[in-house]
Protein backbone atom coordinates (compact mmCIF):
# COMPACT_ATOMS: atom_id res chain seq x y z
CA UNK A 1 36.05 -8.97 18.46
CA UNK A 2 36.06 -5.25 18.99
CA UNK A 3 33.73 -3.86 21.80
CA UNK A 4 32.13 -0.67 20.60
CA UNK A 5 29.41 1.39 22.32
CA UNK A 6 26.62 3.13 20.47
CA UNK A 7 24.92 6.16 22.01
CA UNK A 8 21.37 6.47 20.77
CA UNK A 9 19.44 9.77 21.09
CA UNK A 10 15.63 9.45 20.77
CA UNK A 11 14.28 12.90 19.76
CA UNK A 12 10.85 11.72 18.49
CA UNK A 13 7.57 11.61 20.41
CA UNK A 14 7.44 7.78 20.59
CA UNK A 15 9.01 5.23 22.86
CA UNK A 16 11.55 3.54 20.64
CA UNK A 17 13.27 0.17 20.89
CA UNK A 18 16.73 0.15 19.32
CA UNK A 19 18.26 -3.26 18.37
CA UNK A 20 21.75 -4.00 17.17
CA UNK A 21 22.30 -7.04 14.99
CA UNK A 22 25.45 -8.79 13.70
CA UNK A 23 24.13 -10.73 10.76
CA UNK A 24 21.04 -12.43 12.21
CA UNK A 25 22.17 -12.42 15.73
CA UNK A 26 20.66 -9.88 18.14
CA UNK A 27 23.64 -8.37 20.11
CA UNK A 28 21.97 -5.60 22.24
CA UNK A 29 18.68 -3.70 22.70
CA UNK A 30 17.40 -0.75 24.62
CA UNK A 31 14.07 1.02 25.11
CA UNK A 32 14.20 4.84 25.04
CA UNK A 33 11.40 7.15 25.94
CA UNK A 34 11.03 10.51 24.07
CA UNK A 35 14.09 12.70 24.81
CA UNK A 36 16.13 9.86 26.33
CA UNK A 37 19.52 8.69 25.53
CA UNK A 38 20.72 5.09 25.87
CA UNK A 39 24.00 3.25 25.28
CA UNK A 40 24.18 -0.07 23.56
CA UNK A 41 27.19 -2.36 23.33
CA UNK A 42 27.80 -3.29 19.69
CA UNK A 43 30.67 -5.80 20.04
CA UNK A 44 31.79 -4.95 16.42
CA UNK A 45 33.01 -2.06 14.44
CA UNK A 46 30.27 -2.47 11.86
CA UNK A 47 26.65 -3.58 12.60
CA UNK A 48 23.02 -3.14 11.64
CA UNK A 49 20.66 -1.14 13.95
CA UNK A 50 16.82 -1.27 13.75
CA UNK A 51 14.51 1.26 15.40
CA UNK A 52 11.00 -0.01 16.31
CA UNK A 53 7.92 1.58 17.84
CA UNK A 54 8.16 0.56 21.46
CA UNK A 55 4.37 0.04 21.74
CA UNK A 56 3.67 -1.83 18.49
CA UNK A 57 7.02 -3.38 17.52
CA UNK A 58 6.68 -1.95 14.03
CA UNK A 59 9.97 -0.96 12.40
CA UNK A 60 10.27 2.76 11.86
CA UNK A 61 13.87 3.15 10.73
CA UNK A 62 17.08 1.23 10.24
CA UNK A 63 20.72 1.85 9.44
CA UNK A 64 22.70 -1.04 7.87
CA UNK A 65 26.45 -1.56 7.86
CA UNK A 66 26.71 1.23 10.52
CA UNK A 67 30.04 2.38 11.94
CA UNK A 68 28.85 5.48 13.87
CA UNK A 69 29.24 5.67 17.62
CA UNK A 70 26.36 8.13 18.02
CA UNK A 71 22.98 8.06 16.32
CA UNK A 72 20.01 10.32 16.55
CA UNK A 73 16.43 9.40 15.61
CA UNK A 74 14.45 12.42 14.51
CA UNK A 75 11.28 13.19 12.56
CA UNK A 76 10.99 15.64 9.59
CA UNK A 77 7.90 16.15 7.47
CA UNK A 78 6.35 12.83 8.72
CA UNK A 79 9.47 10.78 7.99
CA UNK A 80 11.91 9.29 10.43
CA UNK A 81 15.54 10.15 9.93
CA UNK A 82 18.69 8.49 11.39
CA UNK A 83 21.69 10.82 11.61
């Protein structure tokens, strides 16, 4: 298994929980306040990442079959965007 680290940049005005999954298995998680950066071990070259509102647990964005090592969550015209 390949150990990969993902750097997550939270640029929105909410506390965000980022969760990495391999299939249905939760591999890692972090909680990032607005403007914070966190690093998550992914343990694979390809994984699914879900972003949730840190207060409510409601999913706000996701990126499936991801291979990126850096992701940024931003907001544009009321929509959440993962780049």
